[in-house]
Amino acid sequence: MSTQPIAASETCAPVYVWQYPLRLIHWGIVISIGALSVTGYYIHDPFIYGLSNRPFLMGWFRFVHEVFGMLFLSLLLLRLYLFFGGNKWEGWRQYIPLKKAHFQEMGNMAKFYLFIRPKPVAKIGHNHMAALSYVGLYGLIAIECITGLVMYQRLSHNAFLLVLVGWIPRLINVQALRLIHFFLMYVFIAFGIFHVHLAMLVSRFEKHGLMDSIFIGYKVIPVEEIEADREEETVQH
């Protein structure tokens, strides 16, 4: 854990929680979902008619969609690496509830989100309710990437992709895969709306600099919470 030295008179200290690669992944996913949603919807239902001097409009939309699709996949793979190679707040142990206390924490956060509990659970990293929802999000991103690769393979006839995902249409009809791929776009948009709302809600009551941390990486944490986090880490090891 990286922190600044703490003086006895201080009540809070900056803690470097989100490393640069994770922040890059976060904003890369946000931009990718925006670009993929616009271009994907156009591919599904063209809402701009090409003029005589722009005869390849659909081709450009497909090209941009494929570029951001590969970026989307790359960001997912990088995030999977950080589950094992990132710091303690980015690792998989912080995302998968393994103990009774983790489920109790999720229950308390559910009460906060439902305005039954007045304050959120104090955490330096993600609370387990939010963390588990991100695991679900990454799972949906994986499905989106796989269904996209299936459709891309049918257009490009790539031999590597044929081996990697060419067997999937034999299990699930291509039209069903296309529908899943399109439907998940709306799921990501809805998730983004709720994500921003809940992050702002927690930030308002927690007062740890949650909204700032996704830009600069640092949160301002009370000393007692830092010590409690160190004790929890010692118990786990």
C-alpha atoms as a PDB file:
ATOM      1  CA  MET A   1       0.000   0.000   0.000  1.00  0.00           C
ATOM      2  CA  SER A   2       1.374   3.397  -1.000  1.00  0.00           C
ATOM      3  CA  THR A   3       0.627   6.246   1.433  1.00  0.00           C
ATOM      4  CA  GLN A   4       2.209   9.482   2.468  1.00  0.00           C
ATOM      5  CA  PRO A   5       3.813   9.585   5.959  1.00  0.00           C
ATOM      6  CA  ILE A   6       1.181  10.136   8.628  1.00  0.00           C
ATOM      7  CA  ALA A   7       1.836  12.557  11.481  1.00  0.00           C
ATOM      8  CA  ALA A   8       0.252  11.973  14.865  1.00  0.00           C
ATOM      9  CA  SER A   9      -1.797  15.166  14.571  1.00  0.00           C
ATOM     10  CA  GLU A  10      -3.268  14.286  11.175  1.00  0.00           C
ATOM     11  CA  THR A  11      -6.671  12.717  10.860  1.00  0.00           C
ATOM     12  CA  CYS A  12      -6.503  11.842   7.133  1.00  0.00           C
ATOM     13  CA  ALA A  13      -3.850  10.876   4.593  1.00  0.00           C
ATOM     14  CA  PRO A  14      -3.746  10.505   0.798  1.00  0.00           C
ATOM     15  CA  VAL A  15      -3.685   6.916  -0.405  1.00  0.00           C
ATOM     16  CA  TYR A  16      -2.795   5.966  -3.984  1.00  0.00           C
ATOM     17  CA  VAL A  17      -5.622   3.523  -4.672  1.00  0.00           C
ATOM     18  CA  TRP A  18      -6.169   3.397  -8.444  1.00  0.00           C
ATOM     19  CA  GLN A  19      -2.991   2.990 -10.490  1.00  0.00           C
ATOM     20  CA  TYR A  20      -2.572   4.602 -13.902  1.00  0.00           C
ATOM     21  CA  PRO A  21      -3.335   1.406 -15.914  1.00  0.00           C
ATOM     22  CA  LEU A  22      -6.672   0.965 -14.146  1.00  0.00           C
ATOM     23  CA  ARG A  23      -7.657   4.585 -14.750  1.00  0.00           C
ATOM     24  CA  LEU A  24      -6.658   4.174 -18.401  1.00  0.00           C
ATOM     25  CA  ILE A  25      -8.845   1.061 -18.633  1.00  0.00           C
ATOM     26  CA  HIS A  26     -11.778   2.845 -16.995  1.00  0.00           C
ATOM     27  CA  TRP A  27     -11.804   5.808 -19.360  1.00  0.00           C
ATOM     28  CA  GLY A  28     -10.934   3.625 -22.347  1.00  0.00           C
ATOM     29  CA  ILE A  29     -14.013   1.502 -21.650  1.00  0.00           C
ATOM     30  CA  VAL A  30     -16.179   4.635 -21.296  1.00  0.00           C
ATOM     31  CA  ILE A  31     -14.985   6.042 -24.638  1.00  0.00           C
ATOM     32  CA  SER A  32     -15.202   2.648 -26.346  1.00  0.00           C
ATOM     33  CA  ILE A  33     -18.797   2.062 -25.223  1.00  0.00           C
ATOM     34  CA  GLY A  34     -19.745   5.505 -26.545  1.00  0.00           C
ATOM     35  CA  ALA A  35     -18.110   4.937 -29.939  1.00  0.00           C
ATOM     36  CA  LEU A  36     -19.342   1.352 -30.237  1.00  0.00           C
ATOM     37  CA  SER A  37     -22.893   2.338 -29.332  1.00  0.00           C
ATOM     38  CA  VAL A  38     -23.108   5.063 -31.981  1.00  0.00           C
ATOM     39  CA  THR A  39     -21.480   3.028 -34.744  1.00  0.00           C
ATOM     40  CA  GLY A  40     -23.217  -0.199 -33.724  1.00  0.00           C
ATOM     41  CA  TYR A  41     -26.642   1.405 -33.788  1.00  0.00           C
ATOM     42  CA  TYR A  42     -25.882   2.853 -37.214  1.00  0.00           C
ATOM     43  CA  ILE A  43     -24.879  -0.586 -38.508  1.00  0.00           C
ATOM     44  CA  HIS A  44     -28.127  -1.977 -37.079  1.00  0.00           C
ATOM     45  CA  ASP A  45     -30.317   0.842 -38.424  1.00  0.00           C
ATOM     46  CA  PRO A  46     -28.553   3.396 -40.707  1.00  0.00           C
ATOM     47  CA  PHE A  47     -29.792   6.841 -39.693  1.00  0.00           C
ATOM     48  CA  ILE A  48     -27.518   8.840 -42.011  1.00  0.00           C
ATOM     49  CA  TYR A  49     -27.822   8.510 -45.766  1.00  0.00           C
ATOM     50  CA  GLY A  50     -24.577   8.654 -47.714  1.00  0.00           C
ATOM     51  CA  LEU A  51     -24.265  11.399 -50.299  1.00  0.00           C
ATOM     52  CA  SER A  52     -22.656  10.950 -53.697  1.00  0.00           C
ATOM     53  CA  ASN A  53     -19.301  12.203 -52.367  1.00  0.00           C
ATOM     54  CA  ARG A  54     -19.510   9.806 -49.378  1.00  0.00           C
ATOM     55  CA  PRO A  55     -20.507   6.509 -50.972  1.00  0.00           C
ATOM     56  CA  PHE A  56     -18.680   4.333 -48.422  1.00  0.00           C
ATOM     57  CA  LEU A  57     -20.375   5.685 -45.286  1.00  0.00           C
ATOM     58  CA  MET A  58     -21.390   2.258 -43.954  1.00  0.00           C
ATOM     59  CA  GLY A  59     -17.852   1.022 -44.515  1.00  0.00           C
ATOM     60  CA  TRP A  60     -16.437   3.842 -42.394  1.00  0.00           C
ATOM     61  CA  PHE A  61     -18.901   3.123 -39.591  1.00  0.00           C
ATOM     62  CA  ARG A  62     -17.955  -0.566 -39.701  1.00  0.00           C
ATOM     63  CA  PHE A  63     -14.262   0.278 -39.685  1.00  0.00           C
ATOM     64  CA  VAL A  64     -14.567   2.563 -36.623  1.00  0.00           C
ATOM     65  CA  HIS A  65     -16.723  -0.058 -34.900  1.00  0.00           C
ATOM     66  CA  GLU A  66     -14.130  -2.772 -35.503  1.00  0.00           C
ATOM     67  CA  VAL A  67     -11.230  -0.579 -34.316  1.00  0.00           C
ATOM     68  CA  PHE A  68     -12.980   0.289 -31.064  1.00  0.00           C
ATOM     69  CA  GLY A  69     -14.099  -3.320 -30.739  1.00  0.00           C
ATOM     70  CA  MET A  70     -10.473  -4.470 -30.747  1.00  0.00           C
ATOM     71  CA  LEU A  71      -9.632  -1.715 -28.255  1.00  0.00           C
ATOM     72  CA  PHE A  72     -12.528  -2.901 -26.071  1.00  0.00           C
ATOM     73  CA  LEU A  73     -11.140  -6.441 -26.129  1.00  0.00           C
ATOM     74  CA  SER A  74      -7.606  -5.229 -25.356  1.00  0.00           C
ATOM     75  CA  LEU A  75      -8.860  -3.244 -22.345  1.00  0.00           C
ATOM     76  CA  LEU A  76     -10.685  -6.320 -21.046  1.00  0.00           C
ATOM     77  CA  LEU A  77      -7.527  -8.438 -21.316  1.00  0.00           C
ATOM     78  CA  LEU A  78      -5.496  -5.747 -19.545  1.00  0.00           C
ATOM     79  CA  ARG A  79      -8.075  -5.627 -16.741  1.00  0.00           C
ATOM     80  CA  LEU A  80      -7.889  -9.399 -16.371  1.00  0.00           C
ATOM     81  CA  TYR A  81      -4.120  -9.052 -15.960  1.00  0.00           C
ATOM     82  CA  LEU A  82      -4.603  -6.454 -13.212  1.00  0.00           C
ATOM     83  CA  PHE A  83      -6.783  -8.914 -11.303  1.00  0.00           C
ATOM     84  CA  PHE A  84      -3.513 -10.763 -10.643  1.00  0.00           C
ATOM     85  CA  GLY A  85      -0.817  -8.134 -11.288  1.00  0.00           C
ATOM     86  CA  GLY A  86      -2.405  -4.975  -9.889  1.00  0.00           C
ATOM     87  CA  ASN A  87      -2.255  -3.552  -6.380  1.00  0.00           C
ATOM     88  CA  LYS A  88      -4.295  -4.942  -3.463  1.00  0.00           C
ATOM     89  CA  TRP A  89      -7.406  -2.870  -4.301  1.00  0.00           C
ATOM     90  CA  GLU A  90      -7.365  -3.981  -7.940  1.00  0.00           C
ATOM     91  CA  GLY A  91      -6.789  -7.703  -7.290  1.00  0.00           C
ATOM     92  CA  TRP A  92      -9.426 -10.400  -7.581  1.00  0.00           C
ATOM     93  CA  ARG A  93      -9.659 -10.895  -3.800  1.00  0.00           C
ATOM     94  CA  GLN A  94     -11.282  -7.476  -3.519  1.00  0.00           C
ATOM     95  CA  TYR A  95     -13.926  -8.398  -6.100  1.00  0.00           C
ATOM     96  CA  ILE A  96     -15.071 -11.879  -5.108  1.00  0.00           C
ATOM     97  CA  PRO A  97     -16.941 -12.222  -1.763  1.00  0.00           C
ATOM     98  CA  LEU A  98     -15.262 -15.079   0.088  1.00  0.00           C
ATOM     99  CA  LYS A  99     -16.228 -14.508   3.713  1.00  0.00           C
ATOM    100  CA  LYS A 100     -19.362 -14.003   5.764  1.00  0.00           C
ATOM    101  CA  ALA A 101     -18.235 -10.439   6.511  1.00  0.00           C
ATOM    102  CA  HIS A 102     -18.154  -9.697   2.786  1.00  0.00           C
ATOM    103  CA  PHE A 103     -21.800 -10.708   2.380  1.00  0.00           C
ATOM    104  CA  GLN A 104     -22.748  -8.680   5.472  1.00  0.00           C
ATOM    105  CA  GLU A 105     -20.992  -5.712   3.881  1.00  0.00           C
ATOM    106  CA  MET A 106     -22.984  -6.228   0.685  1.00  0.00           C
ATOM    107  CA  GLY A 107     -26.196  -6.274   2.716  1.00  0.00           C
ATOM    108  CA  ASN A 108     -25.262  -3.022   4.448  1.00  0.00           C
ATOM    109  CA  MET A 109     -24.456  -1.368   1.102  1.00  0.00           C
ATOM    110  CA  ALA A 110     -27.774  -2.558  -0.308  1.00  0.00           C
ATOM    111  CA  LYS A 111     -29.479  -0.846   2.636  1.00  0.00           C
ATOM    112  CA  PHE A 112     -27.545   2.345   1.884  1.00  0.00           C
ATOM    113  CA  TYR A 113     -28.464   2.263  -1.810  1.00  0.00           C
ATOM    114  CA  LEU A 114     -32.118   1.772  -0.770  1.00  0.00           C
ATOM    115  CA  PHE A 115     -31.866   4.732   1.669  1.00  0.00           C
ATOM    116  CA  ILE A 116     -32.377   2.473   4.700  1.00  0.00           C
ATOM    117  CA  ARG A 117     -28.852   2.965   6.066  1.00  0.00           C
ATOM    118  CA  PRO A 118     -27.647   6.581   6.477  1.00  0.00           C
ATOM    119  CA  LYS A 119     -23.981   6.049   5.514  1.00  0.00           C
ATOM    120  CA  PRO A 120     -22.072   3.680   3.190  1.00  0.00           C
ATOM    121  CA  VAL A 121     -19.591   1.066   4.423  1.00  0.00           C
ATOM    122  CA  ALA A 122     -16.156   2.661   4.858  1.00  0.00           C
ATOM    123  CA  LYS A 123     -13.750   1.124   2.312  1.00  0.00           C
ATOM    124  CA  ILE A 124     -10.496   2.305   0.792  1.00  0.00           C
ATOM    125  CA  GLY A 125     -11.111   0.354  -2.402  1.00  0.00           C
ATOM    126  CA  HIS A 126     -14.459  -0.836  -3.754  1.00  0.00           C
ATOM    127  CA  ASN A 127     -17.137  -2.056  -1.406  1.00  0.00           C
ATOM    128  CA  HIS A 128     -18.021  -5.669  -2.187  1.00  0.00           C
ATOM    129  CA  MET A 129     -21.439  -4.778  -3.618  1.00  0.00           C
ATOM    130  CA  ALA A 130     -19.890  -2.467  -6.205  1.00  0.00           C
ATOM    131  CA  ALA A 131     -16.961  -4.817  -6.821  1.00  0.00           C
ATOM    132  CA  LEU A 132     -19.216  -7.774  -7.585  1.00  0.00           C
ATOM    133  CA  SER A 133     -21.247  -5.660 -10.007  1.00  0.00           C
ATOM    134  CA  TYR A 134     -17.995  -4.839 -11.844  1.00  0.00           C
ATOM    135  CA  VAL A 135     -17.219  -8.550 -12.129  1.00  0.00           C
ATOM    136  CA  GLY A 136     -20.636  -8.947 -13.767  1.00  0.00           C
ATOM    137  CA  LEU A 137     -19.848  -6.006 -16.052  1.00  0.00           C
ATOM    138  CA  TYR A 138     -16.552  -7.565 -17.167  1.00  0.00           C
ATOM    139  CA  GLY A 139     -18.393 -10.821 -17.833  1.00  0.00           C
ATOM    140  CA  LEU A 140     -20.866  -8.984 -20.084  1.00  0.00           C
ATOM    141  CA  ILE A 141     -17.987  -7.211 -21.841  1.00  0.00           C
ATOM    142  CA  ALA A 142     -16.458 -10.644 -22.506  1.00  0.00           C
ATOM    143  CA  ILE A 143     -19.756 -11.834 -24.038  1.00  0.00           C
ATOM    144  CA  GLU A 144     -19.944  -8.665 -26.129  1.00  0.00           C
ATOM    145  CA  CYS A 145     -16.401  -9.198 -27.409  1.00  0.00           C
ATOM    146  CA  ILE A 146     -16.977 -12.876 -28.191  1.00  0.00           C
ATOM    147  CA  THR A 147     -20.217 -12.249 -30.108  1.00  0.00           C
ATOM    148  CA  GLY A 148     -18.498  -9.402 -31.950  1.00  0.00           C
ATOM    149  CA  LEU A 149     -15.589 -11.653 -32.924  1.00  0.00           C
ATOM    150  CA  VAL A 150     -18.025 -14.269 -34.241  1.00  0.00           C
ATOM    151  CA  MET A 151     -19.634 -11.711 -36.569  1.00  0.00           C
ATOM    152  CA  TYR A 152     -16.258 -10.264 -37.561  1.00  0.00           C
ATOM    153  CA  GLN A 153     -14.951 -13.730 -38.439  1.00  0.00           C
ATOM    154  CA  ARG A 154     -17.894 -14.342 -40.766  1.00  0.00           C
ATOM    155  CA  LEU A 155     -16.930 -11.192 -42.682  1.00  0.00           C
ATOM    156  CA  SER A 156     -13.138 -11.501 -42.602  1.00  0.00           C
ATOM    157  CA  HIS A 157     -12.846 -15.333 -42.867  1.00  0.00           C
ATOM    158  CA  ASN A 158      -9.867 -15.136 -40.517  1.00  0.00           C
ATOM    159  CA  ALA A 159      -8.378 -18.594 -39.915  1.00  0.00           C
ATOM    160  CA  PHE A 160      -7.313 -17.856 -36.333  1.00  0.00           C
ATOM    161  CA  LEU A 161     -10.753 -16.543 -35.410  1.00  0.00           C
ATOM    162  CA  LEU A 162     -12.319 -19.539 -37.109  1.00  0.00           C
ATOM    163  CA  VAL A 163     -10.502 -21.800 -34.655  1.00  0.00           C
ATOM    164  CA  LEU A 164     -11.126 -19.469 -31.716  1.00  0.00           C
ATOM    165  CA  VAL A 165     -14.834 -18.692 -32.116  1.00  0.00           C
ATOM    166  CA  GLY A 166     -15.920 -20.470 -35.314  1.00  0.00           C
ATOM    167  CA  TRP A 167     -17.556 -23.280 -33.322  1.00  0.00           C
ATOM    168  CA  ILE A 168     -19.944 -20.951 -31.461  1.00  0.00           C
ATOM    169  CA  PRO A 169     -22.503 -20.526 -34.304  1.00  0.00           C
ATOM    170  CA  ARG A 170     -22.964 -24.289 -34.274  1.00  0.00           C
ATOM    171  CA  LEU A 171     -24.292 -23.958 -30.718  1.00  0.00           C
ATOM    172  CA  ILE A 172     -26.121 -20.611 -30.936  1.00  0.00           C
ATOM    173  CA  ASN A 173     -27.752 -19.226 -34.068  1.00  0.00           C
ATOM    174  CA  VAL A 174     -25.906 -16.237 -35.552  1.00  0.00           C
ATOM    175  CA  GLN A 175     -29.057 -14.112 -35.456  1.00  0.00           C
ATOM    176  CA  ALA A 176     -29.392 -14.859 -31.732  1.00  0.00           C
ATOM    177  CA  LEU A 177     -25.756 -13.843 -31.232  1.00  0.00           C
ATOM    178  CA  ARG A 178     -26.428 -10.648 -33.171  1.00  0.00           C
ATOM    179  CA  LEU A 179     -29.420  -9.884 -30.949  1.00  0.00           C
ATOM    180  CA  ILE A 180     -27.403 -10.526 -27.765  1.00  0.00           C
ATOM    181  CA  HIS A 181     -24.641  -8.266 -29.072  1.00  0.00           C
ATOM    182  CA  PHE A 182     -27.105  -5.458 -29.805  1.00  0.00           C
ATOM    183  CA  PHE A 183     -29.085  -5.852 -26.564  1.00  0.00           C
ATOM    184  CA  LEU A 184     -25.955  -5.606 -24.409  1.00  0.00           C
ATOM    185  CA  MET A 185     -25.403  -2.103 -25.762  1.00  0.00           C
ATOM    186  CA  TYR A 186     -28.474  -0.967 -23.827  1.00  0.00           C
ATOM    187  CA  VAL A 187     -27.289  -2.845 -20.728  1.00  0.00           C
ATOM    188  CA  PHE A 188     -23.969  -0.975 -20.805  1.00  0.00           C
ATOM    189  CA  ILE A 189     -25.711   2.381 -21.230  1.00  0.00           C
ATOM    190  CA  ALA A 190     -28.060   1.634 -18.314  1.00  0.00           C
ATOM    191  CA  PHE A 191     -25.133   0.443 -16.177  1.00  0.00           C
ATOM    192  CA  GLY A 192     -23.265   3.656 -16.927  1.00  0.00           C
ATOM    193  CA  ILE A 193     -26.186   5.802 -15.768  1.00  0.00           C
ATOM    194  CA  PHE A 194     -26.581   3.880 -12.499  1.00  0.00           C
ATOM    195  CA  HIS A 195     -22.801   3.751 -12.007  1.00  0.00           C
ATOM    196  CA  VAL A 196     -22.445   7.537 -12.142  1.00  0.00           C
ATOM    197  CA  HIS A 197     -25.486   8.061  -9.884  1.00  0.00           C
ATOM    198  CA  LEU A 198     -24.320   5.606  -7.201  1.00  0.00           C
ATOM    199  CA  ALA A 199     -20.707   6.807  -7.340  1.00  0.00           C
ATOM    200  CA  MET A 200     -21.858  10.391  -6.751  1.00  0.00           C
ATOM    201  CA  LEU A 201     -24.152   9.222  -3.944  1.00  0.00           C
ATOM    202  CA  VAL A 202     -21.371   7.327  -2.153  1.00  0.00           C
ATOM    203  CA  SER A 203     -18.901  10.167  -2.720  1.00  0.00           C
ATOM    204  CA  ARG A 204     -21.274  12.674  -1.126  1.00  0.00           C
ATOM    205  CA  PHE A 205     -21.598  10.710   2.112  1.00  0.00           C
ATOM    206  CA  GLU A 206     -18.192   9.012   2.222  1.00  0.00           C
ATOM    207  CA  LYS A 207     -16.155  12.191   1.579  1.00  0.00           C
ATOM    208  CA  HIS A 208     -13.024  10.273   0.570  1.00  0.00           C
ATOM    209  CA  GLY A 209     -12.630  11.940  -2.827  1.00  0.00           C
ATOM    210  CA  LEU A 210     -14.190   9.018  -4.720  1.00  0.00           C
ATOM    211  CA  MET A 211     -15.081  11.018  -7.829  1.00  0.00           C
ATOM    212  CA  ASP A 212     -11.648  12.674  -7.927  1.00  0.00           C
ATOM    213  CA  SER A 213      -9.824   9.361  -7.479  1.00  0.00           C
ATOM    214  CA  ILE A 214     -10.754   8.033 -10.926  1.00  0.00           C
ATOM    215  CA  PHE A 215      -8.860  11.020 -12.391  1.00  0.00           C
ATOM    216  CA  ILE A 216      -5.861  11.303 -10.040  1.00  0.00           C
ATOM    217  CA  GLY A 217      -5.748   7.873  -8.386  1.00  0.00           C
ATOM    218  CA  TYR A 218      -5.681   9.198  -4.815  1.00  0.00           C
ATOM    219  CA  LYS A 219      -8.311   9.088  -2.076  1.00  0.00           C
ATOM    220  CA  VAL A 220      -8.167  10.975   1.220  1.00  0.00           C
ATOM    221  CA  ILE A 221      -8.669   8.348   3.929  1.00  0.00           C
ATOM    222  CA  PRO A 222      -9.059   8.723   7.712  1.00  0.00           C
ATOM    223  CA  VAL A 223      -6.071   7.301   9.595  1.00  0.00           C
ATOM    224  CA  GLU A 224      -8.177   4.768  11.502  1.00  0.00           C
ATOM    225  CA  GLU A 225      -9.498   3.310   8.233  1.00  0.00           C
ATOM    226  CA  ILE A 226      -5.935   2.978   6.897  1.00  0.00           C
ATOM    227  CA  GLU A 227      -4.896   1.116  10.034  1.00  0.00           C
ATOM    228  CA  ALA A 228      -7.982  -1.117   9.847  1.00  0.00           C
ATOM    229  CA  ASP A 229      -7.145  -1.907   6.219  1.00  0.00           C
ATOM    230  CA  ARG A 230      -3.578  -2.841   7.205  1.00  0.00           C
ATOM    231  CA  GLU A 231      -4.880  -5.117   9.944  1.00  0.00           C
ATOM    232  CA  GLU A 232      -7.284  -6.805   7.504  1.00  0.00           C
ATOM    233  CA  GLU A 233      -4.417  -7.353   5.050  1.00  0.00           C
ATOM    234  CA  THR A 234      -2.289  -8.888   7.823  1.00  0.00           C
ATOM    235  CA  VAL A 235      -5.089 -11.297   8.764  1.00  0.00           C
ATOM    236  CA  GLN A 236      -5.539 -12.379   5.113  1.00  0.00           C
ATOM    237  CA  HIS A 237      -1.837 -13.224   4.853  1.00  0.00           C
END
